[in-house]
PDB file of all heavy atoms in Angstrom:
ATOM      1  N   ALA A   1       8.595   3.399   1.300  1.00  0.00           N
ATOM      2  CA  ALA A   1       8.861   4.069   2.580  1.00  0.00           C
ATOM      3  C   ALA A   1       9.808   5.249   2.418  1.00  0.00           C
ATOM      4  O   ALA A   1       9.813   6.162   3.247  1.00  0.00           O
ATOM      5  CB  ALA A   1       9.425   3.074   3.580  1.00  0.00           C
ATOM      6  N   LYS A   2      10.594   5.256   1.363  1.00  0.00           N
ATOM      7  CA  LYS A   2      11.531   6.360   1.147  1.00  0.00           C
ATOM      8  C   LYS A   2      10.805   7.687   0.930  1.00  0.00           C
ATOM      9  O   LYS A   2      11.368   8.741   1.170  1.00  0.00           O
ATOM     10  CB  LYS A   2      12.434   6.063  -0.052  1.00  0.00           C
ATOM     11  CG  LYS A   2      13.424   4.954   0.212  1.00  0.00           C
ATOM     12  CD  LYS A   2      14.278   4.716  -1.011  1.00  0.00           C
ATOM     13  CE  LYS A   2      15.250   3.573  -0.772  1.00  0.00           C
ATOM     14  NZ  LYS A   2      16.061   3.304  -1.968  1.00  0.00           N
ATOM     15  N   CYS A   3       9.567   7.635   0.447  1.00  0.00           N
ATOM     16  CA  CYS A   3       8.856   8.879   0.155  1.00  0.00           C
ATOM     17  C   CYS A   3       7.538   9.006   0.927  1.00  0.00           C
ATOM     18  O   CYS A   3       6.716   9.849   0.612  1.00  0.00           O
ATOM     19  CB  CYS A   3       8.621   9.015  -1.350  1.00  0.00           C
ATOM     20  SG  CYS A   3       7.765   7.631  -2.067  1.00  0.00           S
ATOM     21  N   ARG A   4       7.333   8.175   1.934  1.00  0.00           N
ATOM     22  CA  ARG A   4       6.109   8.251   2.735  1.00  0.00           C
ATOM     23  C   ARG A   4       6.466   8.277   4.216  1.00  0.00           C
ATOM     24  O   ARG A   4       7.473   7.744   4.632  1.00  0.00           O
ATOM     25  CB  ARG A   4       5.209   7.032   2.479  1.00  0.00           C
ATOM     26  CG  ARG A   4       4.679   6.955   1.080  1.00  0.00           C
ATOM     27  CD  ARG A   4       3.560   7.977   0.888  1.00  0.00           C
ATOM     28  NE  ARG A   4       2.923   7.813  -0.389  1.00  0.00           N
ATOM     29  CZ  ARG A   4       3.094   8.626  -1.414  1.00  0.00           C
ATOM     30  NH1 ARG A   4       3.903   9.636  -1.321  1.00  0.00           N
ATOM     31  NH2 ARG A   4       2.466   8.421  -2.550  1.00  0.00           N
ATOM     32  N   GLU A   5       5.588   8.859   5.004  1.00  0.00           N
ATOM     33  CA  GLU A   5       5.847   8.964   6.435  1.00  0.00           C
ATOM     34  C   GLU A   5       5.099   7.934   7.275  1.00  0.00           C
ATOM     35  O   GLU A   5       5.563   7.547   8.325  1.00  0.00           O
ATOM     36  CB  GLU A   5       5.477  10.366   6.933  1.00  0.00           C
ATOM     37  CG  GLU A   5       6.347  11.444   6.313  1.00  0.00           C
ATOM     38  CD  GLU A   5       5.938  12.833   6.765  1.00  0.00           C
ATOM     39  OE1 GLU A   5       5.094  12.947   7.670  1.00  0.00           O
ATOM     40  OE2 GLU A   5       6.461  13.794   6.202  1.00  0.00           O
ATOM     41  N   THR A   6       3.940   7.480   6.815  1.00  0.00           N
ATOM     42  CA  THR A   6       3.120   6.617   7.660  1.00  0.00           C
ATOM     43  C   THR A   6       3.714   5.227   7.807  1.00  0.00           C
ATOM     44  O   THR A   6       3.679   4.655   8.890  1.00  0.00           O
ATOM     45  CB  THR A   6       1.684   6.487   7.120  1.00  0.00           C
ATOM     46  OG1 THR A   6       1.730   5.861   5.847  1.00  0.00           O
ATOM     47  CG2 THR A   6       0.998   7.825   7.032  1.00  0.00           C
ATOM     48  N   GLY A   7       4.220   4.659   6.728  1.00  0.00           N
ATOM     49  CA  GLY A   7       4.813   3.335   6.797  1.00  0.00           C
ATOM     50  C   GLY A   7       3.816   2.213   7.024  1.00  0.00           C
ATOM     51  O   GLY A   7       4.193   1.115   7.388  1.00  0.00           O
ATOM     52  N   GLU A   8       2.539   2.468   6.827  1.00  0.00           N
ATOM     53  CA  GLU A   8       1.526   1.431   6.998  1.00  0.00           C
ATOM     54  C   GLU A   8       1.043   0.993   5.622  1.00  0.00           C
ATOM     55  O   GLU A   8       0.509   1.789   4.854  1.00  0.00           O
ATOM     56  CB  GLU A   8       0.361   1.939   7.831  1.00  0.00           C
ATOM     57  CG  GLU A   8      -0.573   0.831   8.228  1.00  0.00           C
ATOM     58  CD  GLU A   8      -1.637   1.298   9.210  1.00  0.00           C
ATOM     59  OE1 GLU A   8      -1.557   2.424   9.714  1.00  0.00           O
ATOM     60  OE2 GLU A   8      -2.565   0.509   9.441  1.00  0.00           O
ATOM     61  N   TYR A   9       1.254  -0.296   5.320  1.00  0.00           N
ATOM     62  CA  TYR A   9       0.973  -0.826   3.993  1.00  0.00           C
ATOM     63  C   TYR A   9       0.139  -2.088   4.093  1.00  0.00           C
ATOM     64  O   TYR A   9       0.133  -2.767   5.109  1.00  0.00           O
ATOM     65  CB  TYR A   9       2.277  -1.185   3.261  1.00  0.00           C
ATOM     66  CG  TYR A   9       3.258  -0.044   3.199  1.00  0.00           C
ATOM     67  CD1 TYR A   9       4.365  -0.018   4.025  1.00  0.00           C
ATOM     68  CD2 TYR A   9       3.062   0.998   2.310  1.00  0.00           C
ATOM     69  CE1 TYR A   9       5.263   1.026   3.965  1.00  0.00           C
ATOM     70  CE2 TYR A   9       3.955   2.049   2.246  1.00  0.00           C
ATOM     71  CZ  TYR A   9       5.057   2.059   3.073  1.00  0.00           C
ATOM     72  OH  TYR A   9       5.939   3.096   3.013  1.00  0.00           O
ATOM     73  N   LYS A  10      -0.539  -2.406   3.003  1.00  0.00           N
ATOM     74  CA  LYS A  10      -1.175  -3.720   2.875  1.00  0.00           C
ATOM     75  C   LYS A  10      -1.137  -4.112   1.404  1.00  0.00           C
ATOM     76  O   LYS A  10      -1.143  -3.263   0.514  1.00  0.00           O
ATOM     77  CB  LYS A  10      -2.597  -3.741   3.431  1.00  0.00           C
ATOM     78  CG  LYS A  10      -3.617  -2.982   2.622  1.00  0.00           C
ATOM     79  CD  LYS A  10      -5.003  -3.138   3.239  1.00  0.00           C
ATOM     80  CE  LYS A  10      -6.061  -2.395   2.441  1.00  0.00           C
ATOM     81  NZ  LYS A  10      -7.388  -2.560   3.016  1.00  0.00           N
ATOM     82  N   TRP A  11      -1.086  -5.425   1.162  1.00  0.00           N
ATOM     83  CA  TRP A  11      -1.035  -5.968  -0.194  1.00  0.00           C
ATOM     84  C   TRP A  11      -2.381  -6.541  -0.564  1.00  0.00           C
ATOM     85  O   TRP A  11      -3.033  -7.201   0.232  1.00  0.00           O
ATOM     86  CB  TRP A  11       0.030  -7.056  -0.283  1.00  0.00           C
ATOM     87  CG  TRP A  11       1.399  -6.475  -0.259  1.00  0.00           C
ATOM     88  CD1 TRP A  11       2.195  -6.304   0.841  1.00  0.00           C
ATOM     89  CD2 TRP A  11       2.116  -5.959  -1.360  1.00  0.00           C
ATOM     90  NE1 TRP A  11       3.365  -5.712   0.470  1.00  0.00           N
ATOM     91  CE2 TRP A  11       3.351  -5.490  -0.874  1.00  0.00           C
ATOM     92  CE3 TRP A  11       1.850  -5.821  -2.725  1.00  0.00           C
ATOM     93  CZ2 TRP A  11       4.301  -4.912  -1.699  1.00  0.00           C
ATOM     94  CZ3 TRP A  11       2.810  -5.253  -3.535  1.00  0.00           C
ATOM     95  CH2 TRP A  11       4.015  -4.807  -3.027  1.00  0.00           C
ATOM     96  N   VAL A  12      -2.792  -6.279  -1.800  1.00  0.00           N
ATOM     97  CA  VAL A  12      -4.066  -6.774  -2.322  1.00  0.00           C
ATOM     98  C   VAL A  12      -3.782  -7.471  -3.648  1.00  0.00           C
ATOM     99  O   VAL A  12      -3.062  -6.937  -4.489  1.00  0.00           O
ATOM    100  CB  VAL A  12      -5.064  -5.606  -2.547  1.00  0.00           C
ATOM    101  CG1 VAL A  12      -6.340  -6.100  -3.174  1.00  0.00           C
ATOM    102  CG2 VAL A  12      -5.331  -4.877  -1.245  1.00  0.00           C
ATOM    103  N   GLU A  13      -4.324  -8.679  -3.806  1.00  0.00           N
ATOM    104  CA  GLU A  13      -4.189  -9.354  -5.096  1.00  0.00           C
ATOM    105  C   GLU A  13      -5.219  -8.723  -6.035  1.00  0.00           C
ATOM    106  O   GLU A  13      -6.396  -9.045  -6.011  1.00  0.00           O
ATOM    107  CB  GLU A  13      -4.380 -10.857  -4.985  1.00  0.00           C
ATOM    108  CG  GLU A  13      -4.007 -11.561  -6.267  1.00  0.00           C
ATOM    109  CD  GLU A  13      -3.885 -13.071  -6.128  1.00  0.00           C
ATOM    110  OE1 GLU A  13      -4.304 -13.620  -5.095  1.00  0.00           O
ATOM    111  OE2 GLU A  13      -3.367 -13.694  -7.054  1.00  0.00           O
ATOM    112  N   HIS A  14      -4.730  -7.797  -6.832  1.00  0.00           N
ATOM    113  CA  HIS A  14      -5.574  -6.993  -7.722  1.00  0.00           C
ATOM    114  C   HIS A  14      -6.191  -7.854  -8.821  1.00  0.00           C
ATOM    115  O   HIS A  14      -7.363  -7.731  -9.145  1.00  0.00           O
ATOM    116  CB  HIS A  14      -4.716  -5.876  -8.320  1.00  0.00           C
ATOM    117  CG  HIS A  14      -5.443  -4.875  -9.132  1.00  0.00           C
ATOM    118  ND1 HIS A  14      -6.433  -4.065  -8.607  1.00  0.00           N
ATOM    119  CD2 HIS A  14      -5.327  -4.536 -10.429  1.00  0.00           C
ATOM    120  CE1 HIS A  14      -6.893  -3.285  -9.564  1.00  0.00           C
ATOM    121  NE2 HIS A  14      -6.249  -3.537 -10.679  1.00  0.00           N
ATOM    122  N   ARG A  15      -5.385  -8.709  -9.408  1.00  0.00           N
ATOM    123  CA  ARG A  15      -5.790  -9.718 -10.397  1.00  0.00           C
ATOM    124  C   ARG A  15      -4.968 -10.957 -10.102  1.00  0.00           C
ATOM    125  O   ARG A  15      -3.959 -10.865  -9.417  1.00  0.00           O
ATOM    126  CB  ARG A  15      -5.470  -9.232 -11.816  1.00  0.00           C
ATOM    127  CG  ARG A  15      -6.271  -8.053 -12.268  1.00  0.00           C
ATOM    128  CD  ARG A  15      -5.932  -7.695 -13.731  1.00  0.00           C
ATOM    129  NE  ARG A  15      -6.487  -6.422 -14.068  1.00  0.00           N
ATOM    130  CZ  ARG A  15      -5.792  -5.294 -14.186  1.00  0.00           C
ATOM    131  NH1 ARG A  15      -4.493  -5.300 -14.018  1.00  0.00           N
ATOM    132  NH2 ARG A  15      -6.380  -4.173 -14.495  1.00  0.00           N
ATOM    133  N   PRO A  16      -5.347 -12.111 -10.620  1.00  0.00           N
ATOM    134  CA  PRO A  16      -4.523 -13.300 -10.383  1.00  0.00           C
ATOM    135  C   PRO A  16      -3.073 -13.061 -10.828  1.00  0.00           C
ATOM    136  O   PRO A  16      -2.826 -12.645 -11.957  1.00  0.00           O
ATOM    137  CB  PRO A  16      -5.196 -14.380 -11.234  1.00  0.00           C
ATOM    138  CG  PRO A  16      -6.619 -13.939 -11.332  1.00  0.00           C
ATOM    139  CD  PRO A  16      -6.564 -12.427 -11.385  1.00  0.00           C
ATOM    140  N   GLY A  17      -2.149 -13.249  -9.898  1.00  0.00           N
ATOM    141  CA  GLY A  17      -0.738 -13.070 -10.208  1.00  0.00           C
ATOM    142  C   GLY A  17      -0.269 -11.626 -10.221  1.00  0.00           C
ATOM    143  O   GLY A  17       0.868 -11.341 -10.584  1.00  0.00           O
ATOM    144  N   GLU A  18      -1.120 -10.692  -9.782  1.00  0.00           N
ATOM    145  CA  GLU A  18      -0.754  -9.275  -9.751  1.00  0.00           C
ATOM    146  C   GLU A  18      -1.134  -8.700  -8.388  1.00  0.00           C
ATOM    147  O   GLU A  18      -2.312  -8.619  -8.042  1.00  0.00           O
ATOM    148  CB  GLU A  18      -1.460  -8.504 -10.853  1.00  0.00           C
ATOM    149  CG  GLU A  18      -1.111  -7.046 -10.890  1.00  0.00           C
ATOM    150  CD  GLU A  18      -1.872  -6.280 -11.962  1.00  0.00           C
ATOM    151  OE1 GLU A  18      -2.321  -6.898 -12.953  1.00  0.00           O
ATOM    152  OE2 GLU A  18      -2.027  -5.079 -11.786  1.00  0.00           O
ATOM    153  N   PHE A  19      -0.121  -8.332  -7.626  1.00  0.00           N
ATOM    154  CA  PHE A  19      -0.332  -7.797  -6.288  1.00  0.00           C
ATOM    155  C   PHE A  19      -0.043  -6.302  -6.299  1.00  0.00           C
ATOM    156  O   PHE A  19       0.932  -5.856  -6.895  1.00  0.00           O
ATOM    157  CB  PHE A  19       0.593  -8.495  -5.282  1.00  0.00           C
ATOM    158  CG  PHE A  19       0.311  -9.960  -5.165  1.00  0.00           C
ATOM    159  CD1 PHE A  19       0.882 -10.859  -6.049  1.00  0.00           C
ATOM    160  CD2 PHE A  19      -0.545 -10.433  -4.190  1.00  0.00           C
ATOM    161  CE1 PHE A  19       0.610 -12.214  -5.964  1.00  0.00           C
ATOM    162  CE2 PHE A  19      -0.818 -11.787  -4.098  1.00  0.00           C
ATOM    163  CZ  PHE A  19      -0.242 -12.684  -4.980  1.00  0.00           C
ATOM    164  N   ARG A  20      -0.886  -5.519  -5.644  1.00  0.00           N
ATOM    165  CA  ARG A  20      -0.731  -4.068  -5.594  1.00  0.00           C
ATOM    166  C   ARG A  20      -0.590  -3.625  -4.143  1.00  0.00           C
ATOM    167  O   ARG A  20      -1.301  -4.107  -3.263  1.00  0.00           O
ATOM    168  CB  ARG A  20      -1.940  -3.362  -6.211  1.00  0.00           C
ATOM    169  CG  ARG A  20      -2.108  -3.613  -7.673  1.00  0.00           C
ATOM    170  CD  ARG A  20      -1.030  -2.911  -8.431  1.00  0.00           C
ATOM    171  NE  ARG A  20      -1.188  -3.148  -9.861  1.00  0.00           N
ATOM    172  CZ  ARG A  20      -0.459  -2.568 -10.768  1.00  0.00           C
ATOM    173  NH1 ARG A  20       0.483  -1.727 -10.429  1.00  0.00           N
ATOM    174  NH2 ARG A  20      -0.642  -2.845 -12.029  1.00  0.00           N
ATOM    175  N   LEU A  21       0.318  -2.696  -3.935  1.00  0.00           N
ATOM    176  CA  LEU A  21       0.562  -2.157  -2.606  1.00  0.00           C
ATOM    177  C   LEU A  21      -0.371  -0.988  -2.347  1.00  0.00           C
ATOM    178  O   LEU A  21      -0.511  -0.100  -3.185  1.00  0.00           O
ATOM    179  CB  LEU A  21       2.022  -1.687  -2.508  1.00  0.00           C
ATOM    180  CG  LEU A  21       2.459  -1.103  -1.170  1.00  0.00           C
ATOM    181  CD1 LEU A  21       2.357  -2.163  -0.069  1.00  0.00           C
ATOM    182  CD2 LEU A  21       3.871  -0.569  -1.266  1.00  0.00           C
ATOM    183  N   GLN A  22      -1.003  -1.014  -1.176  1.00  0.00           N
ATOM    184  CA  GLN A  22      -1.807   0.115  -0.732  1.00  0.00           C
ATOM    185  C   GLN A  22      -1.120   0.745   0.478  1.00  0.00           C
ATOM    186  O   GLN A  22      -0.540   0.044   1.304  1.00  0.00           O
ATOM    187  CB  GLN A  22      -3.220  -0.310  -0.353  1.00  0.00           C
ATOM    188  CG  GLN A  22      -4.069  -0.701  -1.529  1.00  0.00           C
ATOM    189  CD  GLN A  22      -5.532  -0.837  -1.149  1.00  0.00           C
ATOM    190  OE1 GLN A  22      -5.873  -1.152  -0.021  1.00  0.00           O
ATOM    191  NE2 GLN A  22      -6.401  -0.613  -2.114  1.00  0.00           N
ATOM    192  N   GLU A  23      -1.192   2.074   0.554  1.00  0.00           N
ATOM    193  CA  GLU A  23      -0.583   2.818   1.646  1.00  0.00           C
ATOM    194  C   GLU A  23      -1.660   3.597   2.381  1.00  0.00           C
ATOM    195  O   GLU A  23      -2.585   4.110   1.760  1.00  0.00           O
ATOM    196  CB  GLU A  23       0.424   3.828   1.100  1.00  0.00           C
ATOM    197  CG  GLU A  23       1.518   3.195   0.267  1.00  0.00           C
ATOM    198  CD  GLU A  23       2.328   4.241  -0.466  1.00  0.00           C
ATOM    199  OE1 GLU A  23       1.750   4.916  -1.342  1.00  0.00           O
ATOM    200  OE2 GLU A  23       3.515   4.367  -0.153  1.00  0.00           O
ATOM    201  N   ARG A  24      -1.509   3.680   3.712  1.00  0.00           N
ATOM    202  CA  ARG A  24      -2.461   4.487   4.487  1.00  0.00           C
ATOM    203  C   ARG A  24      -2.019   5.944   4.384  1.00  0.00           C
ATOM    204  O   ARG A  24      -0.894   6.291   4.678  1.00  0.00           O
ATOM    205  CB  ARG A  24      -2.503   4.062   5.942  1.00  0.00           C
ATOM    206  CG  ARG A  24      -3.593   4.801   6.713  1.00  0.00           C
ATOM    207  CD  ARG A  24      -3.684   4.369   8.156  1.00  0.00           C
ATOM    208  NE  ARG A  24      -4.070   3.005   8.332  1.00  0.00           N
ATOM    209  CZ  ARG A  24      -5.315   2.529   8.298  1.00  0.00           C
ATOM    210  NH1 ARG A  24      -6.320   3.329   8.035  1.00  0.00           N
ATOM    211  NH2 ARG A  24      -5.550   1.257   8.534  1.00  0.00           N
ATOM    212  N   GLY A  25      -2.941   6.779   3.955  1.00  0.00           N
ATOM    213  CA  GLY A  25      -2.656   8.193   3.797  1.00  0.00           C
ATOM    214  C   GLY A  25      -2.842   8.972   5.082  1.00  0.00           C
ATOM    215  O   GLY A  25      -3.204   8.424   6.123  1.00  0.00           O
ATOM    216  N   THR A  26      -2.629  10.264   5.013  1.00  0.00           N
ATOM    217  CA  THR A  26      -2.742  11.125   6.184  1.00  0.00           C
ATOM    218  C   THR A  26      -4.180  11.227   6.692  1.00  0.00           C
ATOM    219  O   THR A  26      -4.406  11.554   7.847  1.00  0.00           O
ATOM    220  CB  THR A  26      -2.219  12.540   5.868  1.00  0.00           C
ATOM    221  OG1 THR A  26      -2.919  13.048   4.738  1.00  0.00           O
ATOM    222  CG2 THR A  26      -0.727  12.512   5.588  1.00  0.00           C
ATOM    223  N   ARG A  27      -5.142  10.929   5.836  1.00  0.00           N
ATOM    224  CA  ARG A  27      -6.556  10.971   6.252  1.00  0.00           C
ATOM    225  C   ARG A  27      -7.044   9.641   6.815  1.00  0.00           C
ATOM    226  O   ARG A  27      -8.216   9.481   7.120  1.00  0.00           O
ATOM    227  CB  ARG A  27      -7.427  11.377   5.071  1.00  0.00           C
ATOM    228  CG  ARG A  27      -7.131  12.779   4.619  1.00  0.00           C
ATOM    229  CD  ARG A  27      -8.054  13.207   3.527  1.00  0.00           C
ATOM    230  NE  ARG A  27      -7.736  14.573   3.141  1.00  0.00           N
ATOM    231  CZ  ARG A  27      -8.139  15.140   2.055  1.00  0.00           C
ATOM    232  NH1 ARG A  27      -8.906  14.474   1.210  1.00  0.00           N
ATOM    233  NH2 ARG A  27      -7.814  16.371   1.775  1.00  0.00           N
ATOM    234  N   GLY A  28      -6.140   8.668   6.920  1.00  0.00           N
ATOM    235  CA  GLY A  28      -6.484   7.404   7.550  1.00  0.00           C
ATOM    236  C   GLY A  28      -7.021   6.332   6.632  1.00  0.00           C
ATOM    237  O   GLY A  28      -7.335   5.234   7.077  1.00  0.00           O
TER     238      GLY A  28
END
């Protein structure tokens, strides 16, 4: 959030035991 304006995030379990943060960009 320190470097983004939207502040909309979701977490995805990319692999077992590995979670990756996704951010909503300006294009939605």
